[in-house]
Amino acid sequence: MRKFTHINATSVEDAVSLLKQYSGKAKVIAGGTDLLGTMIDEIHPREAYPEVIINLKTIKPSLEYIKEEGGVLKMGALTKLYDIEVNSIVKSKYLALSQAAHAVASPHIREMGTIGGNICQETRCLYYRAPNNRFYCLRKGGGMCYAMSGDNRFHSIFGAVKGCIAVNPSDIAPVLIALDAKIVTSKRNIEAEKFWDVRVPGSTVLDSDEIVTEIQIPAPPAGTKSAFTKLRIRKSIDFPLVNCAALIGGNVARICLNAVYNIPYRATKAEDAIRGKTIDVNTAEAAAAQAVSGAVPLTYNRWKIQAAKGVVKKTILACK
């Protein structure tokens, strides 16, 4: 790992000021479970390596909390995934969120990792993550997507964004979209569905001097249930091969897949197929088929279409 300067931010305003001061040469850190890995492996070009790390854990008042106000669940960006997983309010009213938090990595990682970090993490594409910037790919400013003609077993089944077929690896992201959340930053409020920037593969819409401060989720409509399902190679540790979150009941149907496209994938055709209908095996299978109706598999990832169908079906049935 290369040397860097570590600065403890005292407030949100202080953190933003430091980001402006170091203009593209600084990164923020909380749990550090993603950032430190990228720095240790030096996956980015030398010029992109941060010279300054800004610690958000020292911000006052703290950005680590879970509370309900006016029918809205509010979580500070530094709230640990484990605390979300076990919180009684989350488990009783926002079950999909508790399930997704529980599905992230291992217990030790969940006790370090934060909700803000989980939604802002970088892609896990094996070419992008190769140590010492072994593959200077499109997402880093290079000339090609190595996965396009290489090992693309775990990549997008819904096409490329500007030539990149890497996927979003977050477990929390599809839940925030399914539950119609808002992400509050140091500048603005952003609908969860618009937080990930499809124009820049794998990126959020955050400006270089902008940080996430809070996540807000409205109380689910009466008569709805939510659920989250994750498919992975190993039951613990692994990132998703495919995951899905859903909020369903009456005329409400919100379904979001992840790890299938550059950004979380809202399955609107599946929503239309299940909305207002009785949930049973037949309706769930029909909706699941619609969820992948626009899939365009690559050489080695056709299996993900069937996997996505199975995950969507299981998630819908869990909302019965």
Protein backbone atom coordinates (compact mmCIF):
# COMPACT_ATOMS: atom_id res chain seq x y z
CA MET A 1 0.00 0.00 0.00
CA ARG A 2 1.30 3.44 -0.90
CA LYS A 3 1.58 6.21 1.66
CA PHE A 4 -1.33 8.58 2.25
CA THR A 5 -2.36 11.31 4.67
CA HIS A 6 -5.15 10.46 7.12
CA ILE A 7 -7.44 13.27 8.32
CA ASN A 8 -10.25 13.03 10.87
CA ALA A 9 -13.26 15.05 9.70
CA THR A 10 -15.08 16.91 12.47
CA SER A 11 -18.36 17.52 10.60
CA VAL A 12 -20.07 16.87 7.30
CA GLU A 13 -19.11 20.37 6.23
CA ASP A 14 -15.48 19.71 7.17
CA ALA A 15 -15.43 16.47 5.14
CA VAL A 16 -16.89 18.23 2.10
CA SER A 17 -14.39 21.08 2.46
CA LEU A 18 -11.50 18.61 2.54
CA LEU A 19 -12.80 16.83 -0.56
CA LYS A 20 -12.89 20.18 -2.36
CA GLN A 21 -9.45 21.13 -1.08
CA TYR A 22 -7.82 17.96 -2.38
CA SER A 23 -9.90 17.94 -5.58
CA GLY A 24 -10.01 14.34 -6.77
CA LYS A 25 -7.03 13.22 -4.70
CA ALA A 26 -9.03 12.33 -1.58
CA LYS A 27 -11.32 9.48 -0.57
CA VAL A 28 -13.64 9.13 2.40
CA ILE A 29 -13.51 6.12 4.72
CA ALA A 30 -15.84 4.64 7.33
CA GLY A 31 -15.74 0.84 7.72
CA GLY A 32 -13.08 0.63 5.01
CA THR A 33 -14.04 -2.89 3.94
CA ASP A 34 -14.05 -1.92 0.25
CA LEU A 35 -11.65 1.03 0.04
CA LEU A 36 -8.76 -0.59 1.89
CA GLY A 37 -8.91 -3.63 -0.37
CA THR A 38 -8.61 -1.48 -3.48
CA MET A 39 -5.64 0.35 -1.96
CA ILE A 40 -3.80 -2.74 -0.73
CA ASP A 41 -4.15 -4.44 -4.13
CA GLU A 42 -3.45 -1.17 -5.98
CA ILE A 43 -6.14 -1.94 -8.53
CA HIS A 44 -6.18 1.60 -9.94
CA PRO A 45 -3.60 3.48 -12.03
CA ARG A 46 -0.98 5.33 -9.97
CA GLU A 47 -2.52 8.73 -10.72
CA ALA A 48 -5.86 7.61 -9.30
CA TYR A 49 -4.43 6.45 -5.97
CA PRO A 50 -5.74 8.67 -3.13
CA GLU A 51 -3.24 10.96 -1.47
CA VAL A 52 -5.61 11.75 1.39
CA ILE A 53 -8.07 9.57 3.32
CA ILE A 54 -10.82 11.43 5.19
CA ASN A 55 -12.20 9.59 8.21
CA LEU A 56 -15.97 10.04 8.58
CA LYS A 57 -16.27 8.16 11.89
CA THR A 58 -15.13 11.26 13.78
CA ILE A 59 -17.96 13.43 12.45
CA LYS A 60 -20.17 15.03 15.09
CA PRO A 61 -23.06 14.59 15.44
CA SER A 62 -22.57 10.95 14.55
CA LEU A 63 -23.83 9.55 11.26
CA GLU A 64 -24.53 6.18 12.93
CA TYR A 65 -28.17 5.75 13.98
CA ILE A 66 -31.48 4.02 13.23
CA LYS A 67 -34.74 5.80 14.05
CA GLU A 68 -38.30 6.33 12.90
CA GLU A 69 -39.62 9.83 12.40
CA GLY A 70 -42.98 10.73 10.86
CA GLY A 71 -43.49 7.27 9.41
CA VAL A 72 -40.02 7.22 7.81
CA LEU A 73 -37.13 4.93 8.75
CA LYS A 74 -33.92 6.98 8.90
CA MET A 75 -30.45 5.47 9.02
CA GLY A 76 -27.18 7.34 9.19
CA ALA A 77 -24.76 6.50 6.42
CA LEU A 78 -22.27 5.08 8.93
CA THR A 79 -24.78 2.66 10.47
CA LYS A 80 -23.22 -0.77 10.55
CA LEU A 81 -24.84 -3.58 8.58
CA TYR A 82 -25.01 -5.81 11.64
CA ASP A 83 -27.00 -3.19 13.56
CA ILE A 84 -29.46 -2.93 10.67
CA GLU A 85 -29.75 -6.72 10.48
CA VAL A 86 -30.77 -7.12 14.14
CA ASN A 87 -32.76 -3.92 14.68
CA SER A 88 -36.30 -4.74 15.86
CA ILE A 89 -37.96 -1.97 13.83
CA VAL A 90 -36.20 -3.06 10.64
CA LYS A 91 -37.04 -6.73 11.21
CA SER A 92 -40.71 -6.03 11.87
CA LYS A 93 -41.49 -3.41 9.20
CA TYR A 94 -38.70 -3.59 6.62
CA LEU A 95 -37.88 -7.29 6.54
CA ALA A 96 -36.14 -7.26 3.16
CA LEU A 97 -33.60 -4.77 4.52
CA SER A 98 -32.82 -6.95 7.53
CA GLN A 99 -32.48 -9.99 5.27
CA ALA A 100 -30.16 -8.16 2.87
CA ALA A 101 -27.96 -6.84 5.67
CA HIS A 102 -27.69 -10.37 7.06
CA ALA A 103 -26.69 -11.67 3.62
CA VAL A 104 -23.66 -9.39 3.30
CA ALA A 105 -20.31 -11.17 3.66
CA SER A 106 -19.40 -12.50 7.13
CA PRO A 107 -20.32 -11.44 10.68
CA HIS A 108 -17.02 -9.59 11.11
CA ILE A 109 -17.50 -7.68 7.88
CA ARG A 110 -21.06 -6.75 8.87
CA GLU A 111 -19.76 -5.40 12.16
CA MET A 112 -17.41 -3.09 10.24
CA GLY A 113 -19.16 -2.35 6.95
CA THR A 114 -21.67 0.50 6.73
CA ILE A 115 -24.84 0.98 4.71
CA GLY A 116 -23.29 3.99 2.99
CA GLY A 117 -20.23 2.02 2.01
CA ASN A 118 -22.27 -0.90 0.73
CA ILE A 119 -24.20 1.24 -1.75
CA CYS A 120 -21.08 3.12 -2.88
CA GLN A 121 -18.72 0.17 -3.28
CA GLU A 122 -16.79 -0.48 -6.47
CA THR A 123 -17.51 -3.38 -8.82
CA ARG A 124 -16.08 -6.81 -8.10
CA CYS A 125 -15.28 -7.60 -11.76
CA LEU A 126 -12.23 -9.86 -11.66
CA TYR A 127 -10.50 -7.82 -14.36
CA TYR A 128 -11.23 -4.48 -12.69
CA ARG A 129 -10.10 -5.86 -9.32
CA ALA A 130 -6.92 -7.52 -10.55
CA PRO A 131 -3.95 -6.41 -8.38
CA ASN A 132 -1.48 -3.83 -9.63
CA ASN A 133 -3.90 -2.58 -12.29
CA ARG A 134 -3.08 -5.64 -14.38
CA PHE A 135 -6.02 -4.92 -16.68
CA TYR A 136 -6.38 -1.25 -17.58
CA CYS A 137 -10.02 -1.66 -18.58
CA LEU A 138 -12.69 0.62 -19.98
CA ARG A 139 -14.00 1.55 -16.54
CA LYS A 140 -10.56 2.87 -15.61
CA GLY A 141 -10.18 4.78 -18.85
CA GLY A 142 -8.54 2.03 -20.87
CA GLY A 143 -9.40 0.82 -24.33
CA MET A 144 -11.35 -2.39 -23.82
CA CYS A 145 -13.57 -4.52 -21.58
CA TYR A 146 -11.52 -7.66 -21.02
CA ALA A 147 -14.56 -9.59 -19.80
CA MET A 148 -16.35 -9.12 -23.10
CA SER A 149 -14.16 -11.75 -24.77
CA GLY A 150 -12.80 -13.31 -21.59
CA ASP A 151 -14.30 -14.81 -18.44
CA ASN A 152 -17.79 -13.31 -18.31
CA ARG A 153 -19.56 -15.95 -16.21
CA PHE A 154 -20.58 -13.40 -13.60
CA HIS A 155 -21.22 -10.37 -15.77
CA SER A 156 -24.26 -8.51 -17.13
CA ILE A 157 -27.14 -10.38 -18.78
CA PHE A 158 -28.80 -7.13 -19.84
CA GLY A 159 -26.14 -5.72 -22.12
CA ALA A 160 -23.24 -3.32 -21.74
CA VAL A 161 -23.02 0.31 -20.71
CA LYS A 162 -20.51 2.10 -22.90
CA GLY A 163 -18.87 -1.24 -23.59
CA CYS A 164 -18.59 -2.32 -19.92
CA ILE A 165 -20.40 -5.47 -18.74
CA ALA A 166 -19.40 -5.44 -15.05
CA VAL A 167 -22.24 -5.64 -12.53
CA ASN A 168 -23.23 -3.81 -9.37
CA PRO A 169 -22.36 -6.06 -6.36
CA SER A 170 -24.44 -4.45 -3.59
CA ASP A 171 -26.95 -6.43 -1.54
CA ILE A 172 -28.49 -3.31 -0.02
CA ALA A 173 -29.03 -1.48 -3.32
CA PRO A 174 -31.96 -3.53 -4.71
CA VAL A 175 -33.75 -3.32 -1.35
CA LEU A 176 -33.56 0.47 -1.31
CA ILE A 177 -35.09 0.58 -4.77
CA ALA A 178 -37.80 -1.95 -3.94
CA LEU A 179 -38.70 -0.04 -0.78
CA ASP A 180 -38.73 3.32 -2.62
CA ALA A 181 -35.97 4.83 -0.48
CA LYS A 182 -34.29 8.21 -0.72
CA ILE A 183 -30.58 8.75 -0.26
CA VAL A 184 -29.68 12.00 1.46
CA THR A 185 -26.31 13.54 0.71
CA SER A 186 -24.41 16.63 1.73
CA LYS A 187 -26.06 18.39 -1.25
CA ARG A 188 -29.45 16.84 -2.05
CA ASN A 189 -32.02 14.06 -1.72
CA ILE A 190 -31.81 11.37 -4.42
CA GLU A 191 -34.37 8.68 -5.24
CA ALA A 192 -32.64 5.34 -4.76
CA GLU A 193 -33.46 4.29 -8.31
CA LYS A 194 -31.51 7.30 -9.61
CA PHE A 195 -28.49 6.96 -7.32
CA TRP A 196 -26.43 4.72 -9.60
CA ASP A 197 -25.24 6.41 -12.79
CA VAL A 198 -25.95 4.35 -15.89
CA ARG A 199 -23.93 6.86 -17.98
CA VAL A 200 -20.71 6.01 -16.14
CA PRO A 201 -20.48 2.24 -15.65
CA GLY A 202 -20.47 1.23 -12.03
CA SER A 203 -20.58 4.74 -10.63
CA THR A 204 -22.98 6.66 -8.43
CA VAL A 205 -24.23 10.13 -9.29
CA LEU A 206 -22.27 11.61 -6.38
CA ASP A 207 -20.07 14.58 -7.18
CA SER A 208 -16.42 14.42 -6.12
CA ASP A 209 -17.15 16.67 -3.13
CA GLU A 210 -20.41 14.99 -2.07
CA ILE A 211 -20.99 12.33 0.61
CA VAL A 212 -23.95 10.21 1.65
CA THR A 213 -25.30 11.22 5.07
CA GLU A 214 -28.60 9.37 5.52
CA ILE A 215 -30.93 6.78 4.00
CA GLN A 216 -34.68 7.29 4.33
CA ILE A 217 -37.30 4.59 3.71
CA PRO A 218 -41.04 5.32 3.90
CA ALA A 219 -43.26 2.94 5.84
CA PRO A 220 -44.43 0.19 3.46
CA PRO A 221 -48.07 0.53 2.31
CA ALA A 222 -50.60 -1.42 4.35
CA GLY A 223 -51.07 -4.96 3.12
CA THR A 224 -47.63 -5.28 1.54
CA LYS A 225 -44.76 -7.61 2.41
CA SER A 226 -41.09 -7.37 1.48
CA ALA A 227 -38.45 -10.02 0.96
CA PHE A 228 -34.85 -10.43 -0.22
CA THR A 229 -33.15 -13.45 -1.80
CA LYS A 230 -29.49 -13.93 -2.63
CA LEU A 231 -27.79 -16.59 -4.73
CA ARG A 232 -24.06 -17.05 -4.15
CA ILE A 233 -21.43 -19.74 -4.40
CA ARG A 234 -20.82 -19.99 -0.64
CA LYS A 235 -23.47 -19.27 1.98
CA SER A 236 -21.23 -16.76 3.72
CA ILE A 237 -18.65 -14.27 2.47
CA ASP A 238 -19.44 -14.28 -1.25
CA PHE A 239 -20.84 -11.43 -3.29
CA PRO A 240 -24.10 -12.15 -5.13
CA LEU A 241 -24.29 -14.12 -8.33
CA VAL A 242 -27.85 -12.75 -8.47
CA ASN A 243 -29.99 -11.14 -5.80
CA CYS A 244 -33.52 -9.75 -5.67
CA ALA A 245 -35.66 -7.57 -3.43
CA ALA A 246 -39.41 -7.13 -3.67
CA LEU A 247 -42.27 -5.23 -2.05
CA ILE A 248 -45.62 -6.73 -3.05
CA GLY A 249 -49.25 -6.52 -1.95
CA GLY A 250 -52.54 -5.43 -3.51
CA ASN A 251 -51.79 -2.98 -6.31
CA VAL A 252 -48.20 -2.46 -5.13
CA ALA A 253 -45.39 -4.36 -6.81
CA ARG A 254 -41.75 -3.25 -6.79
CA ILE A 255 -39.10 -5.78 -7.80
CA CYS A 256 -35.39 -5.13 -8.24
CA LEU A 257 -32.58 -7.47 -9.27
CA ASN A 258 -28.88 -6.86 -8.80
CA ALA A 259 -25.60 -8.38 -9.96
CA VAL A 260 -27.19 -8.72 -13.40
CA TYR A 261 -26.38 -5.29 -14.88
CA ASN A 262 -24.12 -2.27 -14.38
CA ILE A 263 -26.69 -0.76 -12.02
CA PRO A 264 -29.52 -2.34 -10.00
CA TYR A 265 -32.14 -3.61 -12.47
CA ARG A 266 -35.77 -2.67 -11.83
CA ALA A 267 -37.87 -5.55 -13.18
CA THR A 268 -40.87 -3.51 -14.30
CA LYS A 269 -42.29 -6.25 -16.55
CA ALA A 270 -42.32 -8.63 -13.61
CA GLU A 271 -44.03 -5.97 -11.51
CA ASP A 272 -46.76 -5.58 -14.13
CA ALA A 273 -47.20 -9.36 -14.28
CA ILE A 274 -47.75 -9.79 -10.51
CA ARG A 275 -49.42 -6.51 -9.51
CA GLY A 276 -52.91 -7.02 -8.13
CA LYS A 277 -52.80 -10.79 -8.54
CA THR A 278 -52.92 -13.59 -6.01
CA ILE A 279 -49.42 -14.80 -5.34
CA ASP A 280 -48.99 -18.48 -6.10
CA VAL A 281 -46.48 -20.65 -7.91
CA ASN A 282 -48.00 -20.00 -11.33
CA THR A 283 -48.17 -16.20 -11.03
CA ALA A 284 -44.69 -16.09 -9.50
CA GLU A 285 -43.26 -18.14 -12.36
CA ALA A 286 -44.97 -15.94 -14.93
CA ALA A 287 -43.59 -12.80 -13.31
CA ALA A 288 -40.12 -14.33 -13.05
CA ALA A 289 -40.15 -15.11 -16.77
CA GLN A 290 -40.99 -11.48 -17.48
CA ALA A 291 -38.15 -10.31 -15.26
CA VAL A 292 -35.57 -11.75 -17.67
CA SER A 293 -37.48 -11.23 -20.91
CA GLY A 294 -34.96 -8.67 -22.14
CA ALA A 295 -31.85 -10.67 -21.28
CA VAL A 296 -28.96 -10.84 -23.77
CA PRO A 297 -26.54 -13.42 -22.32
CA LEU A 298 -22.84 -13.50 -23.06
CA THR A 299 -20.71 -16.48 -24.03
CA TYR A 300 -20.42 -17.95 -20.53
CA ASN A 301 -23.28 -16.51 -18.46
CA ARG A 302 -26.45 -17.90 -19.99
CA TRP A 303 -26.95 -19.78 -16.69
CA LYS A 304 -27.65 -16.45 -14.97
CA ILE A 305 -30.97 -16.13 -16.80
CA GLN A 306 -32.36 -19.25 -15.18
CA ALA A 307 -30.76 -18.28 -11.89
CA ALA A 308 -32.41 -14.85 -12.00
CA LYS A 309 -35.79 -16.42 -12.75
CA GLY A 310 -35.44 -18.71 -9.75
CA VAL A 311 -34.41 -15.87 -7.44
CA VAL A 312 -37.31 -13.66 -8.56
CA LYS A 313 -39.81 -16.51 -8.13
CA LYS A 314 -38.54 -17.30 -4.63
CA THR A 315 -38.66 -13.63 -3.60
CA ILE A 316 -42.20 -13.16 -4.86
CA LEU A 317 -43.43 -16.27 -3.08
CA ALA A 318 -41.83 -15.00 0.15
CA CYS A 319 -44.13 -11.96 -0.09
CA LYS A 320 -47.25 -14.17 -0.08
